[in-house]
Amino acid sequence: MRIRAQVNGDKATVRVLMSHEMETGQRKDAAGKVIPAWYIQEVMAQHNGKTVLTAQWGPSVSKNPFLQFNIKGAKAGDKIAVTWKDNRGETRTDEAVAS
């Protein structure tokens, strides 16, 4: 994931670009076989260890999803962590420092 957190006044704008195939389970490959569903189901963001966002996603979210949100009370140097979990049980967590 690429995470960017920019502080402006008393809030931070967080932008996250996630690398994930996000298959719906409805497409077929060249041989005509259905490609199994594989998508992010849950996204969680933390600001200095405190959960500030949770989201439940489904198969209709696009490949390599982009997420943007604001955090009130953020300051430069604060730690932002984003975690996702997909329907195969895989997880990924990345962190960034607000600037």
PDB file of N, CA and C in Angstrom:
ATOM      1  N   MET A   1       0.845  -1.181   0.000  1.00  0.00           N
ATOM      2  CA  MET A   1       0.000   0.000   0.000  1.00  0.00           C
ATOM      3  C   MET A   1       0.883   1.234   0.000  1.00  0.00           C
ATOM      4  N   ARG A   2       0.378   2.248  -0.640  1.00  0.00           N
ATOM      5  CA  ARG A   2       1.036   3.549  -0.561  1.00  0.00           C
ATOM      6  C   ARG A   2       0.117   4.455   0.256  1.00  0.00           C
ATOM      7  N   ILE A   3       0.641   4.942   1.379  1.00  0.00           N
ATOM      8  CA  ILE A   3      -0.136   5.788   2.273  1.00  0.00           C
ATOM      9  C   ILE A   3       0.517   7.157   2.340  1.00  0.00           C
ATOM     10  N   ARG A   4      -0.300   8.186   2.207  1.00  0.00           N
ATOM     11  CA  ARG A   4       0.184   9.558   2.306  1.00  0.00           C
ATOM     12  C   ARG A   4      -0.747  10.309   3.240  1.00  0.00           C
ATOM     13  N   ALA A   5      -0.202  10.931   4.275  1.00  0.00           N
ATOM     14  CA  ALA A   5      -0.991  11.688   5.242  1.00  0.00           C
ATOM     15  C   ALA A   5      -0.439  13.107   5.323  1.00  0.00           C
ATOM     16  N   GLN A   6      -1.253  14.072   4.905  1.00  0.00           N
ATOM     17  CA  GLN A   6      -0.831  15.474   4.912  1.00  0.00           C
ATOM     18  C   GLN A   6      -1.637  16.241   5.948  1.00  0.00           C
ATOM     19  N   VAL A   7      -0.938  16.925   6.841  1.00  0.00           N
ATOM     20  CA  VAL A   7      -1.588  17.718   7.880  1.00  0.00           C
ATOM     21  C   VAL A   7      -1.846  19.116   7.354  1.00  0.00           C
ATOM     22  N   ASN A   8      -3.065  19.603   7.613  1.00  0.00           N
ATOM     23  CA  ASN A   8      -3.451  20.959   7.246  1.00  0.00           C
ATOM     24  C   ASN A   8      -4.300  21.491   8.393  1.00  0.00           C
ATOM     25  N   GLY A   9      -3.706  22.351   9.214  1.00  0.00           N
ATOM     26  CA  GLY A   9      -4.411  22.846  10.389  1.00  0.00           C
ATOM     27  C   GLY A   9      -4.517  21.758  11.441  1.00  0.00           C
ATOM     28  N   ASP A  10      -5.750  21.475  11.886  1.00  0.00           N
ATOM     29  CA  ASP A  10      -5.953  20.463  12.931  1.00  0.00           C
ATOM     30  C   ASP A  10      -6.438  19.125  12.373  1.00  0.00           C
ATOM     31  N   LYS A  11      -6.322  18.915  11.059  1.00  0.00           N
ATOM     32  CA  LYS A  11      -6.740  17.641  10.487  1.00  0.00           C
ATOM     33  C   LYS A  11      -5.715  17.146   9.476  1.00  0.00           C
ATOM     34  N   ALA A  12      -5.751  15.846   9.248  1.00  0.00           N
ATOM     35  CA  ALA A  12      -4.872  15.227   8.253  1.00  0.00           C
ATOM     36  C   ALA A  12      -5.739  14.586   7.186  1.00  0.00           C
ATOM     37  N   THR A  13      -5.338  14.770   5.948  1.00  0.00           N
ATOM     38  CA  THR A  13      -5.975  14.076   4.834  1.00  0.00           C
ATOM     39  C   THR A  13      -5.115  12.872   4.515  1.00  0.00           C
ATOM     40  N   VAL A  14      -5.729  11.695   4.603  1.00  0.00           N
ATOM     41  CA  VAL A  14      -5.013  10.442   4.381  1.00  0.00           C
ATOM     42  C   VAL A  14      -5.464   9.856   3.044  1.00  0.00           C
ATOM     43  N   ARG A  15      -4.497   9.528   2.209  1.00  0.00           N
ATOM     44  CA  ARG A  15      -4.770   8.901   0.920  1.00  0.00           C
ATOM     45  C   ARG A  15      -4.063   7.550   0.887  1.00  0.00           C
ATOM     46  N   VAL A  16      -4.814   6.522   0.496  1.00  0.00           N
ATOM     47  CA  VAL A  16      -4.272   5.163   0.495  1.00  0.00           C
ATOM     48  C   VAL A  16      -4.535   4.520  -0.863  1.00  0.00           C
ATOM     49  N   LEU A  17      -3.489   4.005  -1.486  1.00  0.00           N
ATOM     50  CA  LEU A  17      -3.619   3.244  -2.716  1.00  0.00           C
ATOM     51  C   LEU A  17      -3.243   1.805  -2.389  1.00  0.00           C
ATOM     52  N   MET A  18      -4.214   0.898  -2.525  1.00  0.00           N
ATOM     53  CA  MET A  18      -4.015  -0.508  -2.169  1.00  0.00           C
ATOM     54  C   MET A  18      -3.807  -1.335  -3.432  1.00  0.00           C
ATOM     55  N   SER A  19      -2.844  -2.218  -3.403  1.00  0.00           N
ATOM     56  CA  SER A  19      -2.583  -3.096  -4.536  1.00  0.00           C
ATOM     57  C   SER A  19      -3.286  -4.429  -4.284  1.00  0.00           C
ATOM     58  N   HIS A  20      -4.377  -4.670  -5.044  1.00  0.00           N
ATOM     59  CA  HIS A  20      -5.134  -5.913  -4.878  1.00  0.00           C
ATOM     60  C   HIS A  20      -5.934  -6.160  -6.150  1.00  0.00           C
ATOM     61  N   GLU A  21      -6.024  -7.416  -6.570  1.00  0.00           N
ATOM     62  CA  GLU A  21      -6.712  -7.772  -7.823  1.00  0.00           C
ATOM     63  C   GLU A  21      -8.216  -7.546  -7.781  1.00  0.00           C
ATOM     64  N   MET A  22      -8.863  -7.764  -6.656  1.00  0.00           N
ATOM     65  CA  MET A  22     -10.295  -7.504  -6.473  1.00  0.00           C
ATOM     66  C   MET A  22     -11.160  -8.210  -7.526  1.00  0.00           C
ATOM     67  N   GLU A  23     -11.083  -9.526  -7.577  1.00  0.00           N
ATOM     68  CA  GLU A  23     -11.908 -10.314  -8.494  1.00  0.00           C
ATOM     69  C   GLU A  23     -13.309 -10.504  -7.919  1.00  0.00           C
ATOM     70  N   THR A  24     -14.332 -10.341  -8.750  1.00  0.00           N
ATOM     71  CA  THR A  24     -15.724 -10.450  -8.312  1.00  0.00           C
ATOM     72  C   THR A  24     -16.220 -11.882  -8.224  1.00  0.00           C
ATOM     73  N   GLY A  25     -15.596 -12.786  -8.942  1.00  0.00           N
ATOM     74  CA  GLY A  25     -16.066 -14.160  -9.001  1.00  0.00           C
ATOM     75  C   GLY A  25     -17.064 -14.372 -10.127  1.00  0.00           C
ATOM     76  N   GLN A  26     -17.239 -13.354 -10.978  1.00  0.00           N
ATOM     77  CA  GLN A  26     -18.197 -13.447 -12.077  1.00  0.00           C
ATOM     78  C   GLN A  26     -17.522 -13.454 -13.448  1.00  0.00           C
ATOM     79  N   ARG A  27     -16.234 -13.090 -13.504  1.00  0.00           N
ATOM     80  CA  ARG A  27     -15.523 -13.091 -14.792  1.00  0.00           C
ATOM     81  C   ARG A  27     -15.053 -14.492 -15.139  1.00  0.00           C
ATOM     82  N   LYS A  28     -14.816 -14.705 -16.430  1.00  0.00           N
ATOM     83  CA  LYS A  28     -14.292 -15.989 -16.898  1.00  0.00           C
ATOM     84  C   LYS A  28     -12.931 -15.770 -17.546  1.00  0.00           C
ATOM     85  N   ASP A  29     -12.066 -16.789 -17.441  1.00  0.00           N
ATOM     86  CA  ASP A  29     -10.754 -16.715 -18.080  1.00  0.00           C
ATOM     87  C   ASP A  29     -10.880 -17.123 -19.554  1.00  0.00           C
ATOM     88  N   ALA A  30      -9.749 -17.189 -20.257  1.00  0.00           N
ATOM     89  CA  ALA A  30      -9.752 -17.513 -21.693  1.00  0.00           C
ATOM     90  C   ALA A  30     -10.325 -18.898 -21.981  1.00  0.00           C
ATOM     91  N   ALA A  31     -10.220 -19.807 -21.021  1.00  0.00           N
ATOM     92  CA  ALA A  31     -10.739 -21.164 -21.198  1.00  0.00           C
ATOM     93  C   ALA A  31     -12.225 -21.263 -20.846  1.00  0.00           C
ATOM     94  N   GLY A  32     -12.817 -20.185 -20.379  1.00  0.00           N
ATOM     95  CA  GLY A  32     -14.231 -20.176 -20.031  1.00  0.00           C
ATOM     96  C   GLY A  32     -14.540 -20.576 -18.603  1.00  0.00           C
ATOM     97  N   LYS A  33     -13.490 -20.768 -17.797  1.00  0.00           N
ATOM     98  CA  LYS A  33     -13.693 -21.110 -16.389  1.00  0.00           C
ATOM     99  C   LYS A  33     -13.857 -19.842 -15.564  1.00  0.00           C
ATOM    100  N   VAL A  34     -14.739 -19.905 -14.575  1.00  0.00           N
ATOM    101  CA  VAL A  34     -14.982 -18.758 -13.702  1.00  0.00           C
ATOM    102  C   VAL A  34     -13.750 -18.497 -12.833  1.00  0.00           C
ATOM    103  N   ILE A  35     -13.333 -17.236 -12.793  1.00  0.00           N
ATOM    104  CA  ILE A  35     -12.218 -16.839 -11.929  1.00  0.00           C
ATOM    105  C   ILE A  35     -12.777 -16.687 -10.514  1.00  0.00           C
ATOM    106  N   PRO A  36     -12.205 -17.382  -9.522  1.00  0.00           N
ATOM    107  CA  PRO A  36     -12.744 -17.334  -8.159  1.00  0.00           C
ATOM    108  C   PRO A  36     -12.734 -15.914  -7.571  1.00  0.00           C
ATOM    109  N   ALA A  37     -13.713 -15.635  -6.726  1.00  0.00           N
ATOM    110  CA  ALA A  37     -13.795 -14.332  -6.061  1.00  0.00           C
ATOM    111  C   ALA A  37     -12.583 -14.136  -5.154  1.00  0.00           C
ATOM    112  N   TRP A  38     -12.037 -12.934  -5.163  1.00  0.00           N
ATOM    113  CA  TRP A  38     -10.893 -12.577  -4.323  1.00  0.00           C
ATOM    114  C   TRP A  38     -10.924 -11.072  -4.154  1.00  0.00           C
ATOM    115  N   TYR A  39     -11.364 -10.609  -2.997  1.00  0.00           N
ATOM    116  CA  TYR A  39     -11.539  -9.168  -2.791  1.00  0.00           C
ATOM    117  C   TYR A  39     -11.329  -8.802  -1.324  1.00  0.00           C
ATOM    118  N   ILE A  40     -11.048  -7.538  -1.098  1.00  0.00           N
ATOM    119  CA  ILE A  40     -10.876  -7.008   0.256  1.00  0.00           C
ATOM    120  C   ILE A  40     -12.246  -6.928   0.910  1.00  0.00           C
ATOM    121  N   GLN A  41     -12.357  -7.481   2.119  1.00  0.00           N
ATOM    122  CA  GLN A  41     -13.621  -7.456   2.849  1.00  0.00           C
ATOM    123  C   GLN A  41     -13.642  -6.401   3.943  1.00  0.00           C
ATOM    124  N   GLU A  42     -12.510  -6.165   4.580  1.00  0.00           N
ATOM    125  CA  GLU A  42     -12.481  -5.256   5.721  1.00  0.00           C
ATOM    126  C   GLU A  42     -11.255  -4.350   5.649  1.00  0.00           C
ATOM    127  N   VAL A  43     -11.479  -3.069   5.903  1.00  0.00           N
ATOM    128  CA  VAL A  43     -10.396  -2.090   5.949  1.00  0.00           C
ATOM    129  C   VAL A  43     -10.479  -1.378   7.299  1.00  0.00           C
ATOM    130  N   MET A  44      -9.329  -1.200   7.954  1.00  0.00           N
ATOM    131  CA  MET A  44      -9.282  -0.510   9.237  1.00  0.00           C
ATOM    132  C   MET A  44      -8.121   0.474   9.225  1.00  0.00           C
ATOM    133  N   ALA A  45      -8.370   1.676   9.732  1.00  0.00           N
ATOM    134  CA  ALA A  45      -7.311   2.684   9.845  1.00  0.00           C
ATOM    135  C   ALA A  45      -7.148   3.080  11.304  1.00  0.00           C
ATOM    136  N   GLN A  46      -5.898   3.285  11.695  1.00  0.00           N
ATOM    137  CA  GLN A  46      -5.605   3.696  13.066  1.00  0.00           C
ATOM    138  C   GLN A  46      -4.744   4.949  13.064  1.00  0.00           C
ATOM    139  N   HIS A  47      -5.014   5.809  14.032  1.00  0.00           N
ATOM    140  CA  HIS A  47      -4.249   7.040  14.247  1.00  0.00           C
ATOM    141  C   HIS A  47      -3.611   6.917  15.612  1.00  0.00           C
ATOM    142  N   ASN A  48      -2.289   6.784  15.645  1.00  0.00           N
ATOM    143  CA  ASN A  48      -1.541   6.582  16.891  1.00  0.00           C
ATOM    144  C   ASN A  48      -2.113   5.423  17.715  1.00  0.00           C
ATOM    145  N   GLY A  49      -2.494   4.326  17.047  1.00  0.00           N
ATOM    146  CA  GLY A  49      -2.988   3.140  17.735  1.00  0.00           C
ATOM    147  C   GLY A  49      -4.475   3.123  18.018  1.00  0.00           C
ATOM    148  N   LYS A  50      -5.179   4.210  17.764  1.00  0.00           N
ATOM    149  CA  LYS A  50      -6.626   4.288  18.004  1.00  0.00           C
ATOM    150  C   LYS A  50      -7.364   4.129  16.670  1.00  0.00           C
ATOM    151  N   THR A  51      -8.333   3.220  16.624  1.00  0.00           N
ATOM    152  CA  THR A  51      -9.094   2.986  15.397  1.00  0.00           C
ATOM    153  C   THR A  51      -9.957   4.204  15.077  1.00  0.00           C
ATOM    154  N   VAL A  52      -9.789   4.711  13.846  1.00  0.00           N
ATOM    155  CA  VAL A  52     -10.548   5.892  13.414  1.00  0.00           C
ATOM    156  C   VAL A  52     -11.450   5.587  12.220  1.00  0.00           C
ATOM    157  N   LEU A  53     -11.286   4.413  11.597  1.00  0.00           N
ATOM    158  CA  LEU A  53     -12.108   4.057  10.457  1.00  0.00           C
ATOM    159  C   LEU A  53     -12.167   2.543  10.327  1.00  0.00           C
ATOM    160  N   THR A  54     -13.374   2.031  10.113  1.00  0.00           N
ATOM    161  CA  THR A  54     -13.544   0.638   9.730  1.00  0.00           C
ATOM    162  C   THR A  54     -14.537   0.618   8.570  1.00  0.00           C
ATOM    163  N   ALA A  55     -14.290  -0.246   7.618  1.00  0.00           N
ATOM    164  CA  ALA A  55     -15.165  -0.327   6.446  1.00  0.00           C
ATOM    165  C   ALA A  55     -15.306  -1.782   6.032  1.00  0.00           C
ATOM    166  N   GLN A  56     -16.505  -2.135   5.615  1.00  0.00           N
ATOM    167  CA  GLN A  56     -16.785  -3.458   5.070  1.00  0.00           C
ATOM    168  C   GLN A  56     -16.954  -3.294   3.564  1.00  0.00           C
ATOM    169  N   TRP A  57     -16.122  -3.975   2.791  1.00  0.00           N
ATOM    170  CA  TRP A  57     -16.184  -3.888   1.333  1.00  0.00           C
ATOM    171  C   TRP A  57     -16.694  -5.191   0.747  1.00  0.00           C
ATOM    172  N   GLY A  58     -17.086  -5.141  -0.508  1.00  0.00           N
ATOM    173  CA  GLY A  58     -17.566  -6.318  -1.213  1.00  0.00           C
ATOM    174  C   GLY A  58     -16.868  -6.463  -2.549  1.00  0.00           C
ATOM    175  N   PRO A  59     -17.336  -7.393  -3.374  1.00  0.00           N
ATOM    176  CA  PRO A  59     -16.670  -7.687  -4.637  1.00  0.00           C
ATOM    177  C   PRO A  59     -16.810  -6.599  -5.701  1.00  0.00           C
ATOM    178  N   SER A  60     -17.664  -5.621  -5.493  1.00  0.00           N
ATOM    179  CA  SER A  60     -17.868  -4.609  -6.536  1.00  0.00           C
ATOM    180  C   SER A  60     -16.872  -3.445  -6.473  1.00  0.00           C
ATOM    181  N   VAL A  61     -15.927  -3.469  -5.550  1.00  0.00           N
ATOM    182  CA  VAL A  61     -14.897  -2.432  -5.468  1.00  0.00           C
ATOM    183  C   VAL A  61     -13.845  -2.704  -6.544  1.00  0.00           C
ATOM    184  N   SER A  62     -13.360  -1.657  -7.184  1.00  0.00           N
ATOM    185  CA  SER A  62     -12.442  -1.800  -8.319  1.00  0.00           C
ATOM    186  C   SER A  62     -11.068  -2.349  -7.919  1.00  0.00           C
ATOM    187  N   LYS A  63     -10.348  -2.828  -8.923  1.00  0.00           N
ATOM    188  CA  LYS A  63      -8.974  -3.314  -8.763  1.00  0.00           C
ATOM    189  C   LYS A  63      -8.105  -2.169  -8.254  1.00  0.00           C
ATOM    190  N   ASN A  64      -7.149  -2.477  -7.378  1.00  0.00           N
ATOM    191  CA  ASN A  64      -6.231  -1.494  -6.788  1.00  0.00           C
ATOM    192  C   ASN A  64      -6.998  -0.282  -6.242  1.00  0.00           C
ATOM    193  N   PRO A  65      -7.853  -0.517  -5.229  1.00  0.00           N
ATOM    194  CA  PRO A  65      -8.714   0.559  -4.732  1.00  0.00           C
ATOM    195  C   PRO A  65      -7.951   1.714  -4.094  1.00  0.00           C
ATOM    196  N   PHE A  66      -8.567   2.895  -4.199  1.00  0.00           N
ATOM    197  CA  PHE A  66      -8.054   4.128  -3.610  1.00  0.00           C
ATOM    198  C   PHE A  66      -9.031   4.556  -2.524  1.00  0.00           C
ATOM    199  N   LEU A  67      -8.500   4.931  -1.361  1.00  0.00           N
ATOM    200  CA  LEU A  67      -9.321   5.363  -0.237  1.00  0.00           C
ATOM    201  C   LEU A  67      -8.768   6.685   0.280  1.00  0.00           C
ATOM    202  N   GLN A  68      -9.658   7.645   0.554  1.00  0.00           N
ATOM    203  CA  GLN A  68      -9.248   8.929   1.125  1.00  0.00           C
ATOM    204  C   GLN A  68     -10.180   9.270   2.266  1.00  0.00           C
ATOM    205  N   PHE A  69      -9.603   9.736   3.382  1.00  0.00           N
ATOM    206  CA  PHE A  69     -10.406  10.149   4.531  1.00  0.00           C
ATOM    207  C   PHE A  69      -9.631  11.199   5.322  1.00  0.00           C
ATOM    208  N   ASN A  70     -10.340  11.893   6.227  1.00  0.00           N
ATOM    209  CA  ASN A  70      -9.733  12.927   7.072  1.00  0.00           C
ATOM    210  C   ASN A  70      -9.734  12.471   8.521  1.00  0.00           C
ATOM    211  N   ILE A  71      -8.707  12.912   9.259  1.00  0.00           N
ATOM    212  CA  ILE A  71      -8.607  12.636  10.687  1.00  0.00           C
ATOM    213  C   ILE A  71      -8.483  13.976  11.410  1.00  0.00           C
ATOM    214  N   LYS A  72      -9.451  14.287  12.267  1.00  0.00           N
ATOM    215  CA  LYS A  72      -9.392  15.514  13.065  1.00  0.00           C
ATOM    216  C   LYS A  72      -8.407  15.337  14.205  1.00  0.00           C
ATOM    217  N   GLY A  73      -7.718  16.392  14.561  1.00  0.00           N
ATOM    218  CA  GLY A  73      -6.798  16.365  15.682  1.00  0.00           C
ATOM    219  C   GLY A  73      -5.439  15.776  15.371  1.00  0.00           C
ATOM    220  N   ALA A  74      -5.136  15.537  14.129  1.00  0.00           N
ATOM    221  CA  ALA A  74      -3.839  14.959  13.756  1.00  0.00           C
ATOM    222  C   ALA A  74      -2.771  16.049  13.680  1.00  0.00           C
ATOM    223  N   LYS A  75      -1.550  15.656  13.995  1.00  0.00           N
ATOM    224  CA  LYS A  75      -0.410  16.570  13.947  1.00  0.00           C
ATOM    225  C   LYS A  75       0.716  15.917  13.156  1.00  0.00           C
ATOM    226  N   ALA A  76       1.624  16.727  12.680  1.00  0.00           N
ATOM    227  CA  ALA A  76       2.794  16.207  11.972  1.00  0.00           C
ATOM    228  C   ALA A  76       3.551  15.266  12.910  1.00  0.00           C
ATOM    229  N   GLY A  77       3.978  14.135  12.383  1.00  0.00           N
ATOM    230  CA  GLY A  77       4.697  13.142  13.172  1.00  0.00           C
ATOM    231  C   GLY A  77       3.806  12.038  13.711  1.00  0.00           C
ATOM    232  N   ASP A  78       2.481  12.197  13.631  1.00  0.00           N
ATOM    233  CA  ASP A  78       1.562  11.146  14.084  1.00  0.00           C
ATOM    234  C   ASP A  78       1.660   9.931  13.159  1.00  0.00           C
ATOM    235  N   LYS A  79       1.411   8.754  13.724  1.00  0.00           N
ATOM    236  CA  LYS A  79       1.495   7.511  12.963  1.00  0.00           C
ATOM    237  C   LYS A  79       0.100   7.101  12.476  1.00  0.00           C
ATOM    238  N   ILE A  80       0.001   6.812  11.184  1.00  0.00           N
ATOM    239  CA  ILE A  80      -1.232   6.336  10.565  1.00  0.00           C
ATOM    240  C   ILE A  80      -0.973   4.918  10.061  1.00  0.00           C
ATOM    241  N   ALA A  81      -1.827   3.976  10.462  1.00  0.00           N
ATOM    242  CA  ALA A  81      -1.702   2.583  10.016  1.00  0.00           C
ATOM    243  C   ALA A  81      -2.995   2.169   9.336  1.00  0.00           C
ATOM    244  N   VAL A  82      -2.865   1.458   8.214  1.00  0.00           N
ATOM    245  CA  VAL A  82      -4.027   0.945   7.484  1.00  0.00           C
ATOM    246  C   VAL A  82      -3.850  -0.558   7.306  1.00  0.00           C
ATOM    247  N   THR A  83      -4.913  -1.300   7.614  1.00  0.00           N
ATOM    248  CA  THR A  83      -4.909  -2.759   7.510  1.00  0.00           C
ATOM    249  C   THR A  83      -6.094  -3.202   6.665  1.00  0.00           C
ATOM    250  N   TRP A  84      -5.870  -4.167   5.780  1.00  0.00           N
ATOM    251  CA  TRP A  84      -6.990  -4.778   5.078  1.00  0.00           C
ATOM    252  C   TRP A  84      -6.936  -6.287   5.240  1.00  0.00           C
ATOM    253  N   LYS A  85      -8.128  -6.910   5.117  1.00  0.00           N
ATOM    254  CA  LYS A  85      -8.251  -8.364   5.169  1.00  0.00           C
ATOM    255  C   LYS A  85      -9.150  -8.772   4.016  1.00  0.00           C
ATOM    256  N   ASP A  86      -8.730  -9.804   3.255  1.00  0.00           N
ATOM    257  CA  ASP A  86      -9.549 -10.219   2.113  1.00  0.00           C
ATOM    258  C   ASP A  86     -10.298 -11.514   2.404  1.00  0.00           C
ATOM    259  N   ASN A  87     -11.118 -11.938   1.451  1.00  0.00           N
ATOM    260  CA  ASN A  87     -11.967 -13.108   1.655  1.00  0.00           C
ATOM    261  C   ASN A  87     -11.193 -14.431   1.664  1.00  0.00           C
ATOM    262  N   ARG A  88      -9.916 -14.416   1.367  1.00  0.00           N
ATOM    263  CA  ARG A  88      -9.067 -15.612   1.475  1.00  0.00           C
ATOM    264  C   ARG A  88      -8.327 -15.649   2.811  1.00  0.00           C
ATOM    265  N   GLY A  89      -8.553 -14.640   3.650  1.00  0.00           N
ATOM    266  CA  GLY A  89      -7.901 -14.592   4.954  1.00  0.00           C
ATOM    267  C   GLY A  89      -6.563 -13.876   4.956  1.00  0.00           C
ATOM    268  N   GLU A  90      -6.126 -13.385   3.808  1.00  0.00           N
ATOM    269  CA  GLU A  90      -4.859 -12.658   3.733  1.00  0.00           C
ATOM    270  C   GLU A  90      -5.051 -11.261   4.325  1.00  0.00           C
ATOM    271  N   THR A  91      -4.011 -10.753   4.984  1.00  0.00           N
ATOM    272  CA  THR A  91      -4.055  -9.402   5.540  1.00  0.00           C
ATOM    273  C   THR A  91      -2.786  -8.659   5.173  1.00  0.00           C
ATOM    274  N   ARG A  92      -2.896  -7.349   5.238  1.00  0.00           N
ATOM    275  CA  ARG A  92      -1.730  -6.505   5.012  1.00  0.00           C
ATOM    276  C   ARG A  92      -1.890  -5.249   5.843  1.00  0.00           C
ATOM    277  N   THR A  93      -0.801  -4.811   6.453  1.00  0.00           N
ATOM    278  CA  THR A  93      -0.781  -3.592   7.247  1.00  0.00           C
ATOM    279  C   THR A  93       0.407  -2.749   6.816  1.00  0.00           C
ATOM    280  N   ASP A  94       0.176  -1.476   6.595  1.00  0.00           N
ATOM    281  CA  ASP A  94       1.249  -0.546   6.288  1.00  0.00           C
ATOM    282  C   ASP A  94       1.047   0.706   7.137  1.00  0.00           C
ATOM    283  N   GLU A  95       2.172   1.409   7.377  1.00  0.00           N
ATOM    284  CA  GLU A  95       2.125   2.613   8.204  1.00  0.00           C
ATOM    285  C   GLU A  95       2.768   3.781   7.483  1.00  0.00           C
ATOM    286  N   ALA A  96       2.364   4.974   7.887  1.00  0.00           N
ATOM    287  CA  ALA A  96       2.969   6.207   7.372  1.00  0.00           C
ATOM    288  C   ALA A  96       2.988   7.218   8.519  1.00  0.00           C
ATOM    289  N   VAL A  97       3.838   8.213   8.377  1.00  0.00           N
ATOM    290  CA  VAL A  97       3.923   9.286   9.357  1.00  0.00           C
ATOM    291  C   VAL A  97       3.351  10.547   8.714  1.00  0.00           C
ATOM    292  N   ALA A  98       2.443  11.192   9.424  1.00  0.00           N
ATOM    293  CA  ALA A  98       1.813  12.412   8.909  1.00  0.00           C
ATOM    294  C   ALA A  98       2.862  13.520   8.798  1.00  0.00           C
ATOM    295  N   SER A  99       2.756  14.287   7.724  1.00  0.00           N
ATOM    296  CA  SER A  99       3.700  15.401   7.549  1.00  0.00           C
ATOM    297  C   SER A  99       2.956  16.659   7.158  1.00  0.00           C
TER     298      SER A  99
END
